[in-house]
Amino acid sequence: MKVLGAALCTSAMVILGSSVPISRALLSYPTLAGQVLRYTLAVVILLAIARRLPRIGARSGLRLVVLAAVGLVGFNVCLLAALREAEPAVVGTIVGGTPVVLALIGPLLARRRPALRITVGAAVIVAGVALVQGAGHASTAGLAWSAGTLAGEVGFSLLAAPLLVELTPIAIATYACLFAVPLLLVASVASGETWRMPTLPEAGALLYLAVVLTALAFVLWYGGLVRLGVEKAGMFAGLLPVAALGATAVLDGAVPSAAAILGTVVVAAGLAFGLSAPARVAPEPGTPREAAPVELSVGAPG
């Protein structure tokens, strides 16, 4: 289960990282409108795969709405605002703190102590991410929006963890995307975006984001999360900038800097160290709540 969980989380982060250079085709397209199209198409695909969704109670439904609002809509809105006020390196470095935040907050919300080995490994990963991202400049607003982006990234996993004891990864991904569409639509209208038909390169990028990044990577990530737990799965977030670096190098023919290569090695070392911590038993997807270990009863932040 540990090997499979690691493979699922790694695959999800590699897909997410590879989407960074592909997303450059959407720089001129209305951002929120593009997200509406992306998640709408993802919902259609996920529904076709799942065929039918399990019923959810009011409490689970509310948590899924919050997950969509924080982990999908909030993340994208904050990221967009952060990139207007800060250089990408700064945003990437702050969001790269995800492994440490999950290593600390996940156990605390479950009313247990953070694992020292995982926390140290996560800290090493974050140091490696900082080397990969490099330095940059940001305004105070940029730092604040970057912190909001970090919160959205963390919430994407923390809010889903309790749901994984009663819902499958594909059900959570489908519901989250489904609830995100109207929220993003309202945000797009409120921001005054002008909708238009995407060009052929933009349509290709949106199709990739919907099919591969959303419908596939979301399910892979949640599949890894339920097998590894929040803390260990969170460490794999450090692979995102490494994957983005590799994809950009391949597509652009650019040679990574020595600092970026060193950072990649540091990330790998931190990941190996943290994963060597004793494993916690995680429930299989769809396991009834009564049979799930107490350790995975992670509460929602706020």
C-alpha atoms as a PDB file:
ATOM      1  CA  MET A   1       0.000   0.000   0.000  1.00  0.00           C
ATOM      2  CA  LYS A   2       2.886   2.353   0.810  1.00  0.00           C
ATOM      3  CA  VAL A   3       4.526   1.797  -2.583  1.00  0.00           C
ATOM      4  CA  LEU A   4       1.229   2.223  -4.436  1.00  0.00           C
ATOM      5  CA  GLY A   5       0.419   5.384  -2.489  1.00  0.00           C
ATOM      6  CA  ALA A   6       3.836   6.838  -3.273  1.00  0.00           C
ATOM      7  CA  ALA A   7       3.410   5.991  -6.954  1.00  0.00           C
ATOM      8  CA  LEU A   8      -0.020   7.651  -7.073  1.00  0.00           C
ATOM      9  CA  CYS A   9       1.164  10.842  -5.339  1.00  0.00           C
ATOM     10  CA  THR A  10       4.286  11.015  -7.498  1.00  0.00           C
ATOM     11  CA  SER A  11       2.238  10.612 -10.677  1.00  0.00           C
ATOM     12  CA  ALA A  12      -0.158  13.355  -9.595  1.00  0.00           C
ATOM     13  CA  MET A  13       2.658  15.816  -8.861  1.00  0.00           C
ATOM     14  CA  VAL A  14       4.486  15.007 -12.102  1.00  0.00           C
ATOM     15  CA  ILE A  15       1.288  15.695 -14.036  1.00  0.00           C
ATOM     16  CA  LEU A  16       0.733  18.932 -12.124  1.00  0.00           C
ATOM     17  CA  GLY A  17       4.309  20.047 -12.686  1.00  0.00           C
ATOM     18  CA  SER A  18       4.220  19.258 -16.384  1.00  0.00           C
ATOM     19  CA  SER A  19       1.109  21.404 -16.733  1.00  0.00           C
ATOM     20  CA  VAL A  20       3.037  24.561 -15.806  1.00  0.00           C
ATOM     21  CA  PRO A  21       4.694  25.113 -19.209  1.00  0.00           C
ATOM     22  CA  ILE A  22       1.539  23.926 -20.991  1.00  0.00           C
ATOM     23  CA  SER A  23      -0.529  26.503 -19.091  1.00  0.00           C
ATOM     24  CA  ARG A  24       1.492  29.286 -20.723  1.00  0.00           C
ATOM     25  CA  ALA A  25      -0.822  28.938 -23.714  1.00  0.00           C
ATOM     26  CA  LEU A  26      -3.606  30.355 -21.499  1.00  0.00           C
ATOM     27  CA  LEU A  27      -1.849  33.532 -20.361  1.00  0.00           C
ATOM     28  CA  SER A  28      -4.045  35.670 -22.639  1.00  0.00           C
ATOM     29  CA  TYR A  29      -7.263  33.812 -21.926  1.00  0.00           C
ATOM     30  CA  PRO A  30      -9.678  34.999 -19.184  1.00  0.00           C
ATOM     31  CA  THR A  31      -8.375  33.058 -16.177  1.00  0.00           C
ATOM     32  CA  LEU A  32     -11.552  32.325 -14.250  1.00  0.00           C
ATOM     33  CA  ALA A  33     -13.527  31.646 -17.425  1.00  0.00           C
ATOM     34  CA  GLY A  34     -10.887  29.129 -18.381  1.00  0.00           C
ATOM     35  CA  GLN A  35     -11.242  27.444 -14.990  1.00  0.00           C
ATOM     36  CA  VAL A  36     -15.019  27.222 -15.477  1.00  0.00           C
ATOM     37  CA  LEU A  37     -14.504  25.468 -18.815  1.00  0.00           C
ATOM     38  CA  ARG A  38     -11.808  23.228 -17.336  1.00  0.00           C
ATOM     39  CA  TYR A  39     -13.840  22.007 -14.376  1.00  0.00           C
ATOM     40  CA  THR A  40     -17.047  21.658 -16.388  1.00  0.00           C
ATOM     41  CA  LEU A  41     -15.335  19.351 -18.846  1.00  0.00           C
ATOM     42  CA  ALA A  42     -13.667  17.482 -15.969  1.00  0.00           C
ATOM     43  CA  VAL A  43     -17.065  16.891 -14.323  1.00  0.00           C
ATOM     44  CA  VAL A  44     -18.436  15.431 -17.563  1.00  0.00           C
ATOM     45  CA  ILE A  45     -15.453  13.082 -17.838  1.00  0.00           C
ATOM     46  CA  LEU A  46     -15.532  12.035 -14.190  1.00  0.00           C
ATOM     47  CA  LEU A  47     -19.287  11.412 -14.284  1.00  0.00           C
ATOM     48  CA  ALA A  48     -18.843   9.257 -17.378  1.00  0.00           C
ATOM     49  CA  ILE A  49     -16.218   7.199 -15.553  1.00  0.00           C
ATOM     50  CA  ALA A  50     -18.032   6.983 -12.210  1.00  0.00           C
ATOM     51  CA  ARG A  51     -21.448   6.481 -13.887  1.00  0.00           C
ATOM     52  CA  ARG A  52     -23.211   7.350 -10.651  1.00  0.00           C
ATOM     53  CA  LEU A  53     -22.226   9.203  -7.518  1.00  0.00           C
ATOM     54  CA  PRO A  54     -22.966   8.042  -3.982  1.00  0.00           C
ATOM     55  CA  ARG A  55     -25.407  10.058  -1.936  1.00  0.00           C
ATOM     56  CA  ILE A  56     -23.888  12.409   0.573  1.00  0.00           C
ATOM     57  CA  GLY A  57     -25.253  13.822   3.798  1.00  0.00           C
ATOM     58  CA  ALA A  58     -25.481  17.484   4.709  1.00  0.00           C
ATOM     59  CA  ARG A  59     -22.209  17.435   6.653  1.00  0.00           C
ATOM     60  CA  SER A  60     -20.224  15.785   3.847  1.00  0.00           C
ATOM     61  CA  GLY A  61     -21.887  18.051   1.293  1.00  0.00           C
ATOM     62  CA  LEU A  62     -20.878  21.138   3.249  1.00  0.00           C
ATOM     63  CA  ARG A  63     -17.308  19.890   3.548  1.00  0.00           C
ATOM     64  CA  LEU A  64     -17.182  19.265  -0.209  1.00  0.00           C
ATOM     65  CA  VAL A  65     -18.439  22.783  -0.898  1.00  0.00           C
ATOM     66  CA  VAL A  66     -15.740  24.191   1.389  1.00  0.00           C
ATOM     67  CA  LEU A  67     -13.181  21.969  -0.347  1.00  0.00           C
ATOM     68  CA  ALA A  68     -14.248  23.358  -3.723  1.00  0.00           C
ATOM     69  CA  ALA A  69     -14.264  26.936  -2.422  1.00  0.00           C
ATOM     70  CA  VAL A  70     -10.862  26.721  -0.705  1.00  0.00           C
ATOM     71  CA  GLY A  71      -8.885  24.103  -2.600  1.00  0.00           C
ATOM     72  CA  LEU A  72     -10.072  24.911  -6.122  1.00  0.00           C
ATOM     73  CA  VAL A  73     -11.645  28.365  -6.380  1.00  0.00           C
ATOM     74  CA  GLY A  74      -9.677  30.024  -3.573  1.00  0.00           C
ATOM     75  CA  PHE A  75      -6.417  28.520  -4.779  1.00  0.00           C
ATOM     76  CA  ASN A  76      -6.898  29.788  -8.341  1.00  0.00           C
ATOM     77  CA  VAL A  77      -8.096  33.265  -7.331  1.00  0.00           C
ATOM     78  CA  CYS A  78      -5.220  33.733  -4.855  1.00  0.00           C
ATOM     79  CA  LEU A  79      -2.675  32.391  -7.333  1.00  0.00           C
ATOM     80  CA  LEU A  80      -3.839  34.816 -10.000  1.00  0.00           C
ATOM     81  CA  ALA A  81      -3.673  37.758  -7.585  1.00  0.00           C
ATOM     82  CA  ALA A  82      -0.281  36.631  -6.219  1.00  0.00           C
ATOM     83  CA  LEU A  83       1.289  36.490  -9.673  1.00  0.00           C
ATOM     84  CA  ARG A  84       0.224  40.095 -10.265  1.00  0.00           C
ATOM     85  CA  GLU A  85       2.044  41.263  -7.119  1.00  0.00           C
ATOM     86  CA  ALA A  86       4.980  38.858  -6.850  1.00  0.00           C
ATOM     87  CA  GLU A  87       7.459  37.076  -9.065  1.00  0.00           C
ATOM     88  CA  PRO A  88       6.669  33.401  -9.765  1.00  0.00           C
ATOM     89  CA  ALA A  89       9.737  32.272  -7.786  1.00  0.00           C
ATOM     90  CA  VAL A  90       8.393  33.891  -4.621  1.00  0.00           C
ATOM     91  CA  VAL A  91       4.929  32.397  -5.075  1.00  0.00           C
ATOM     92  CA  GLY A  92       6.418  28.981  -5.797  1.00  0.00           C
ATOM     93  CA  THR A  93       8.663  29.074  -2.749  1.00  0.00           C
ATOM     94  CA  ILE A  94       5.810  30.021  -0.399  1.00  0.00           C
ATOM     95  CA  VAL A  95       3.455  27.405  -1.822  1.00  0.00           C
ATOM     96  CA  GLY A  96       6.382  25.004  -1.594  1.00  0.00           C
ATOM     97  CA  GLY A  97       5.941  25.149   2.182  1.00  0.00           C
ATOM     98  CA  THR A  98       2.974  22.787   1.827  1.00  0.00           C
ATOM     99  CA  PRO A  99       4.864  19.683   3.075  1.00  0.00           C
ATOM    100  CA  VAL A 100       5.781  21.322   6.403  1.00  0.00           C
ATOM    101  CA  VAL A 101       2.303  22.761   6.953  1.00  0.00           C
ATOM    102  CA  LEU A 102       0.646  19.389   6.343  1.00  0.00           C
ATOM    103  CA  ALA A 103       3.247  17.598   8.472  1.00  0.00           C
ATOM    104  CA  LEU A 104       2.366  19.864  11.412  1.00  0.00           C
ATOM    105  CA  ILE A 105      -1.329  20.694  11.029  1.00  0.00           C
ATOM    106  CA  GLY A 106      -2.511  17.251   9.915  1.00  0.00           C
ATOM    107  CA  PRO A 107      -1.511  15.475  13.147  1.00  0.00           C
ATOM    108  CA  LEU A 108      -2.593  18.384  15.356  1.00  0.00           C
ATOM    109  CA  LEU A 109      -6.087  18.351  13.887  1.00  0.00           C
ATOM    110  CA  ALA A 110      -6.142  14.600  14.502  1.00  0.00           C
ATOM    111  CA  ARG A 111      -5.120  15.284  18.154  1.00  0.00           C
ATOM    112  CA  ARG A 112      -1.737  13.619  18.017  1.00  0.00           C
ATOM    113  CA  ARG A 113       1.839  14.797  17.911  1.00  0.00           C
ATOM    114  CA  PRO A 114       3.546  15.488  14.570  1.00  0.00           C
ATOM    115  CA  ALA A 115       6.039  12.788  13.622  1.00  0.00           C
ATOM    116  CA  LEU A 116       9.560  14.160  14.026  1.00  0.00           C
ATOM    117  CA  ARG A 117      11.021  12.242  11.098  1.00  0.00           C
ATOM    118  CA  ILE A 118       8.268  13.352   8.719  1.00  0.00           C
ATOM    119  CA  THR A 119       8.526  16.971   9.899  1.00  0.00           C
ATOM    120  CA  VAL A 120      12.294  17.034   9.415  1.00  0.00           C
ATOM    121  CA  GLY A 121      11.950  15.397   6.016  1.00  0.00           C
ATOM    122  CA  ALA A 122       9.306  17.954   5.019  1.00  0.00           C
ATOM    123  CA  ALA A 123      11.568  20.820   6.136  1.00  0.00           C
ATOM    124  CA  VAL A 124      14.390  19.443   3.993  1.00  0.00           C
ATOM    125  CA  ILE A 125      12.009  19.210   1.044  1.00  0.00           C
ATOM    126  CA  VAL A 126      10.962  22.843   1.486  1.00  0.00           C
ATOM    127  CA  ALA A 127      14.632  23.895   1.545  1.00  0.00           C
ATOM    128  CA  GLY A 128      15.131  22.006  -1.710  1.00  0.00           C
ATOM    129  CA  VAL A 129      12.063  23.662  -3.244  1.00  0.00           C
ATOM    130  CA  ALA A 130      13.490  27.088  -2.354  1.00  0.00           C
ATOM    131  CA  LEU A 131      16.681  26.189  -4.239  1.00  0.00           C
ATOM    132  CA  VAL A 132      14.719  24.988  -7.251  1.00  0.00           C
ATOM    133  CA  GLN A 133      12.506  28.086  -7.340  1.00  0.00           C
ATOM    134  CA  GLY A 134      15.224  30.649  -6.731  1.00  0.00           C
ATOM    135  CA  ALA A 135      14.797  34.174  -5.379  1.00  0.00           C
ATOM    136  CA  GLY A 136      12.468  36.962  -6.442  1.00  0.00           C
ATOM    137  CA  HIS A 137      10.682  40.136  -5.384  1.00  0.00           C
ATOM    138  CA  ALA A 138       7.179  40.605  -4.001  1.00  0.00           C
ATOM    139  CA  SER A 139       5.040  43.333  -2.497  1.00  0.00           C
ATOM    140  CA  THR A 140       3.280  42.910   0.831  1.00  0.00           C
ATOM    141  CA  ALA A 141       0.081  42.153  -1.046  1.00  0.00           C
ATOM    142  CA  GLY A 142       1.947  39.594  -3.119  1.00  0.00           C
ATOM    143  CA  LEU A 143       3.133  37.804  -0.005  1.00  0.00           C
ATOM    144  CA  ALA A 144      -0.394  37.836   1.431  1.00  0.00           C
ATOM    145  CA  TRP A 145      -1.924  36.421  -1.746  1.00  0.00           C
ATOM    146  CA  SER A 146       0.842  33.812  -1.881  1.00  0.00           C
ATOM    147  CA  ALA A 147      -0.040  32.770   1.670  1.00  0.00           C
ATOM    148  CA  GLY A 148      -3.649  32.434   0.514  1.00  0.00           C
ATOM    149  CA  THR A 149      -2.483  30.221  -2.337  1.00  0.00           C
ATOM    150  CA  LEU A 150      -0.632  28.074   0.197  1.00  0.00           C
ATOM    151  CA  ALA A 151      -3.802  27.818   2.285  1.00  0.00           C
ATOM    152  CA  GLY A 152      -5.736  26.658  -0.781  1.00  0.00           C
ATOM    153  CA  GLU A 153      -3.112  24.035  -1.566  1.00  0.00           C
ATOM    154  CA  VAL A 154      -3.140  22.749   2.014  1.00  0.00           C
ATOM    155  CA  GLY A 155      -6.936  22.774   2.177  1.00  0.00           C
ATOM    156  CA  PHE A 156      -7.135  20.653  -0.962  1.00  0.00           C
ATOM    157  CA  SER A 157      -5.739  17.731   1.051  1.00  0.00           C
ATOM    158  CA  LEU A 158      -6.818  18.506   4.622  1.00  0.00           C
ATOM    159  CA  LEU A 159     -10.470  18.985   3.748  1.00  0.00           C
ATOM    160  CA  ALA A 160     -10.565  15.798   1.689  1.00  0.00           C
ATOM    161  CA  ALA A 161      -8.890  13.522   4.255  1.00  0.00           C
ATOM    162  CA  PRO A 162     -11.978  12.908   6.463  1.00  0.00           C
ATOM    163  CA  LEU A 163     -14.123  12.283   3.391  1.00  0.00           C
ATOM    164  CA  LEU A 164     -11.876   9.487   2.185  1.00  0.00           C
ATOM    165  CA  VAL A 165     -13.205   7.153   4.869  1.00  0.00           C
ATOM    166  CA  GLU A 166     -16.659   7.199   3.274  1.00  0.00           C
ATOM    167  CA  LEU A 167     -16.177   8.285  -0.339  1.00  0.00           C
ATOM    168  CA  THR A 168     -13.871   7.050  -3.083  1.00  0.00           C
ATOM    169  CA  PRO A 169     -11.219   9.358  -4.603  1.00  0.00           C
ATOM    170  CA  ILE A 170     -13.182   9.649  -7.845  1.00  0.00           C
ATOM    171  CA  ALA A 171     -16.366  10.623  -5.973  1.00  0.00           C
ATOM    172  CA  ILE A 172     -14.562  13.361  -4.043  1.00  0.00           C
ATOM    173  CA  ALA A 173     -12.872  14.685  -7.193  1.00  0.00           C
ATOM    174  CA  THR A 174     -16.195  14.727  -9.047  1.00  0.00           C
ATOM    175  CA  TYR A 175     -18.136  16.481  -6.294  1.00  0.00           C
ATOM    176  CA  ALA A 176     -15.344  19.031  -5.745  1.00  0.00           C
ATOM    177  CA  CYS A 177     -15.241  19.939  -9.444  1.00  0.00           C
ATOM    178  CA  LEU A 178     -19.039  19.999  -9.628  1.00  0.00           C
ATOM    179  CA  PHE A 179     -19.328  22.466  -6.742  1.00  0.00           C
ATOM    180  CA  ALA A 180     -16.415  24.561  -8.036  1.00  0.00           C
ATOM    181  CA  VAL A 181     -18.089  25.374 -11.370  1.00  0.00           C
ATOM    182  CA  PRO A 182     -20.859  27.713 -10.099  1.00  0.00           C
ATOM    183  CA  LEU A 183     -18.460  29.331  -7.608  1.00  0.00           C
ATOM    184  CA  LEU A 184     -15.941  30.072 -10.370  1.00  0.00           C
ATOM    185  CA  LEU A 185     -18.722  31.299 -12.652  1.00  0.00           C
ATOM    186  CA  VAL A 186     -19.834  33.818 -10.026  1.00  0.00           C
ATOM    187  CA  ALA A 187     -16.219  34.913  -9.482  1.00  0.00           C
ATOM    188  CA  SER A 188     -15.716  35.338 -13.228  1.00  0.00           C
ATOM    189  CA  VAL A 189     -18.836  37.479 -13.612  1.00  0.00           C
ATOM    190  CA  ALA A 190     -18.003  39.519 -10.506  1.00  0.00           C
ATOM    191  CA  SER A 191     -14.502  40.246 -11.803  1.00  0.00           C
ATOM    192  CA  GLY A 192     -15.899  41.511 -15.106  1.00  0.00           C
ATOM    193  CA  GLU A 193     -14.150  38.981 -17.313  1.00  0.00           C
ATOM    194  CA  THR A 194     -15.039  39.035 -21.009  1.00  0.00           C
ATOM    195  CA  TRP A 195     -15.674  35.541 -22.284  1.00  0.00           C
ATOM    196  CA  ARG A 196     -14.552  34.484 -25.758  1.00  0.00           C
ATOM    197  CA  MET A 197     -13.938  31.338 -27.750  1.00  0.00           C
ATOM    198  CA  PRO A 198     -10.480  29.897 -27.078  1.00  0.00           C
ATOM    199  CA  THR A 199      -7.973  29.672 -29.901  1.00  0.00           C
ATOM    200  CA  LEU A 200      -6.751  26.255 -31.010  1.00  0.00           C
ATOM    201  CA  PRO A 201      -3.659  26.297 -28.700  1.00  0.00           C
ATOM    202  CA  GLU A 202      -5.818  27.567 -25.812  1.00  0.00           C
ATOM    203  CA  ALA A 203      -8.409  24.856 -26.434  1.00  0.00           C
ATOM    204  CA  GLY A 204      -5.664  22.236 -26.425  1.00  0.00           C
ATOM    205  CA  ALA A 205      -4.298  23.538 -23.128  1.00  0.00           C
ATOM    206  CA  LEU A 206      -7.773  23.622 -21.549  1.00  0.00           C
ATOM    207  CA  LEU A 207      -8.418  20.077 -22.750  1.00  0.00           C
ATOM    208  CA  TYR A 208      -5.155  18.904 -21.167  1.00  0.00           C
ATOM    209  CA  LEU A 209      -5.951  20.673 -17.893  1.00  0.00           C
ATOM    210  CA  ALA A 210      -9.439  19.167 -17.780  1.00  0.00           C
ATOM    211  CA  VAL A 211      -8.615  15.601 -18.782  1.00  0.00           C
ATOM    212  CA  VAL A 212      -5.101  14.999 -17.458  1.00  0.00           C
ATOM    213  CA  LEU A 213      -4.536  17.562 -14.714  1.00  0.00           C
ATOM    214  CA  THR A 214      -8.026  17.495 -13.197  1.00  0.00           C
ATOM    215  CA  ALA A 215      -9.894  14.279 -14.024  1.00  0.00           C
ATOM    216  CA  LEU A 216      -6.770  12.113 -13.745  1.00  0.00           C
ATOM    217  CA  ALA A 217      -4.391  13.869 -11.335  1.00  0.00           C
ATOM    218  CA  PHE A 218      -7.086  14.672  -8.744  1.00  0.00           C
ATOM    219  CA  VAL A 219      -8.084  11.005  -8.532  1.00  0.00           C
ATOM    220  CA  LEU A 220      -4.438   9.903  -8.379  1.00  0.00           C
ATOM    221  CA  TRP A 221      -3.689  12.374  -5.572  1.00  0.00           C
ATOM    222  CA  TYR A 222      -6.657  11.383  -3.448  1.00  0.00           C
ATOM    223  CA  GLY A 223      -5.867   7.725  -4.077  1.00  0.00           C
ATOM    224  CA  GLY A 224      -2.378   8.308  -2.699  1.00  0.00           C
ATOM    225  CA  LEU A 225      -3.681  10.428   0.159  1.00  0.00           C
ATOM    226  CA  VAL A 226      -5.959   7.684   1.473  1.00  0.00           C
ATOM    227  CA  ARG A 227      -3.086   5.195   1.429  1.00  0.00           C
ATOM    228  CA  LEU A 228      -0.297   7.341   2.887  1.00  0.00           C
ATOM    229  CA  GLY A 229      -2.139   9.778   5.144  1.00  0.00           C
ATOM    230  CA  VAL A 230      -1.953  13.569   5.075  1.00  0.00           C
ATOM    231  CA  GLU A 231       1.602  14.004   6.380  1.00  0.00           C
ATOM    232  CA  LYS A 232       3.382  11.570   4.081  1.00  0.00           C
ATOM    233  CA  ALA A 233       1.312  12.450   1.026  1.00  0.00           C
ATOM    234  CA  GLY A 234       2.003  16.130   1.680  1.00  0.00           C
ATOM    235  CA  MET A 235       5.739  15.587   1.254  1.00  0.00           C
ATOM    236  CA  PHE A 236       5.174  14.724  -2.393  1.00  0.00           C
ATOM    237  CA  ALA A 237       4.015  18.305  -3.005  1.00  0.00           C
ATOM    238  CA  GLY A 238       7.724  19.111  -3.073  1.00  0.00           C
ATOM    239  CA  LEU A 239       7.943  17.261  -6.388  1.00  0.00           C
ATOM    240  CA  LEU A 240       5.764  19.881  -8.107  1.00  0.00           C
ATOM    241  CA  PRO A 241       8.490  22.482  -8.792  1.00  0.00           C
ATOM    242  CA  VAL A 242      10.929  19.713  -9.710  1.00  0.00           C
ATOM    243  CA  ALA A 243       8.473  18.317 -12.268  1.00  0.00           C
ATOM    244  CA  ALA A 244       7.779  21.816 -13.587  1.00  0.00           C
ATOM    245  CA  LEU A 245      11.524  22.401 -13.928  1.00  0.00           C
ATOM    246  CA  GLY A 246      11.976  19.164 -15.849  1.00  0.00           C
ATOM    247  CA  ALA A 247       9.010  19.760 -18.155  1.00  0.00           C
ATOM    248  CA  THR A 248      10.141  23.306 -18.915  1.00  0.00           C
ATOM    249  CA  ALA A 249      13.669  22.091 -19.623  1.00  0.00           C
ATOM    250  CA  VAL A 250      12.366  19.498 -22.075  1.00  0.00           C
ATOM    251  CA  LEU A 251       9.895  21.776 -23.856  1.00  0.00           C
ATOM    252  CA  ASP A 252      12.161  24.834 -23.992  1.00  0.00           C
ATOM    253  CA  GLY A 253      15.486  23.064 -24.320  1.00  0.00           C
ATOM    254  CA  ALA A 254      16.754  25.010 -21.295  1.00  0.00           C
ATOM    255  CA  VAL A 255      19.443  23.611 -18.996  1.00  0.00           C
ATOM    256  CA  PRO A 256      18.509  23.919 -15.281  1.00  0.00           C
ATOM    257  CA  SER A 257      20.842  25.945 -13.084  1.00  0.00           C
ATOM    258  CA  ALA A 258      23.253  24.297 -10.669  1.00  0.00           C
ATOM    259  CA  ALA A 259      21.127  25.556  -7.747  1.00  0.00           C
ATOM    260  CA  ALA A 260      17.999  23.988  -9.247  1.00  0.00           C
ATOM    261  CA  ILE A 261      19.766  20.665  -9.732  1.00  0.00           C
ATOM    262  CA  LEU A 262      21.062  20.789  -6.158  1.00  0.00           C
ATOM    263  CA  GLY A 263      17.548  21.608  -4.961  1.00  0.00           C
ATOM    264  CA  THR A 264      16.196  18.558  -6.777  1.00  0.00           C
ATOM    265  CA  VAL A 265      18.706  16.347  -4.958  1.00  0.00           C
ATOM    266  CA  VAL A 266      17.743  17.939  -1.628  1.00  0.00           C
ATOM    267  CA  VAL A 267      14.035  17.344  -2.318  1.00  0.00           C
ATOM    268  CA  ALA A 268      14.730  13.682  -3.100  1.00  0.00           C
ATOM    269  CA  ALA A 269      16.784  13.305   0.100  1.00  0.00           C
ATOM    270  CA  GLY A 270      14.064  14.882   2.246  1.00  0.00           C
ATOM    271  CA  LEU A 271      11.403  12.704   0.646  1.00  0.00           C
ATOM    272  CA  ALA A 272      13.410   9.527   1.234  1.00  0.00           C
ATOM    273  CA  PHE A 273      14.074  10.484   4.851  1.00  0.00           C
ATOM    274  CA  GLY A 274      10.471  11.385   5.636  1.00  0.00           C
ATOM    275  CA  LEU A 275       9.007   8.290   3.976  1.00  0.00           C
ATOM    276  CA  SER A 276      11.183   6.078   6.152  1.00  0.00           C
ATOM    277  CA  ALA A 277       9.038   7.020   9.161  1.00  0.00           C
ATOM    278  CA  PRO A 278       6.845   4.206  10.575  1.00  0.00           C
ATOM    279  CA  ALA A 279       3.696   3.765   8.524  1.00  0.00           C
ATOM    280  CA  ARG A 280       0.208   4.482   9.868  1.00  0.00           C
ATOM    281  CA  VAL A 281      -2.652   2.289   8.848  1.00  0.00           C
ATOM    282  CA  ALA A 282      -4.955   4.069   6.389  1.00  0.00           C
ATOM    283  CA  PRO A 283      -8.448   2.939   5.383  1.00  0.00           C
ATOM    284  CA  GLU A 284      -9.154   1.643   1.920  1.00  0.00           C
ATOM    285  CA  PRO A 285     -11.264   3.987  -0.240  1.00  0.00           C
ATOM    286  CA  GLY A 286     -14.896   3.592   0.734  1.00  0.00           C
ATOM    287  CA  THR A 287     -14.196   2.086   4.149  1.00  0.00           C
ATOM    288  CA  PRO A 288     -17.088   2.855   6.546  1.00  0.00           C
ATOM    289  CA  ARG A 289     -16.322   5.575   9.067  1.00  0.00           C
ATOM    290  CA  GLU A 290     -16.724   3.208  12.019  1.00  0.00           C
ATOM    291  CA  ALA A 291     -13.903   1.007  10.708  1.00  0.00           C
ATOM    292  CA  ALA A 292     -11.488   3.838  10.005  1.00  0.00           C
ATOM    293  CA  PRO A 293      -8.565   4.531  12.329  1.00  0.00           C
ATOM    294  CA  VAL A 294      -8.980   7.474  14.679  1.00  0.00           C
ATOM    295  CA  GLU A 295      -5.769   9.032  13.333  1.00  0.00           C
ATOM    296  CA  LEU A 296      -7.428   9.925  10.030  1.00  0.00           C
ATOM    297  CA  SER A 297     -10.272  11.935  11.543  1.00  0.00           C
ATOM    298  CA  VAL A 298      -8.694  15.160  10.368  1.00  0.00           C
ATOM    299  CA  GLY A 299     -10.871  18.173  10.950  1.00  0.00           C
ATOM    300  CA  ALA A 300     -11.311  21.047   8.530  1.00  0.00           C
ATOM    301  CA  PRO A 301      -9.311  24.182   9.263  1.00  0.00           C
ATOM    302  CA  GLY A 302     -11.450  27.073  10.389  1.00  0.00           C
END
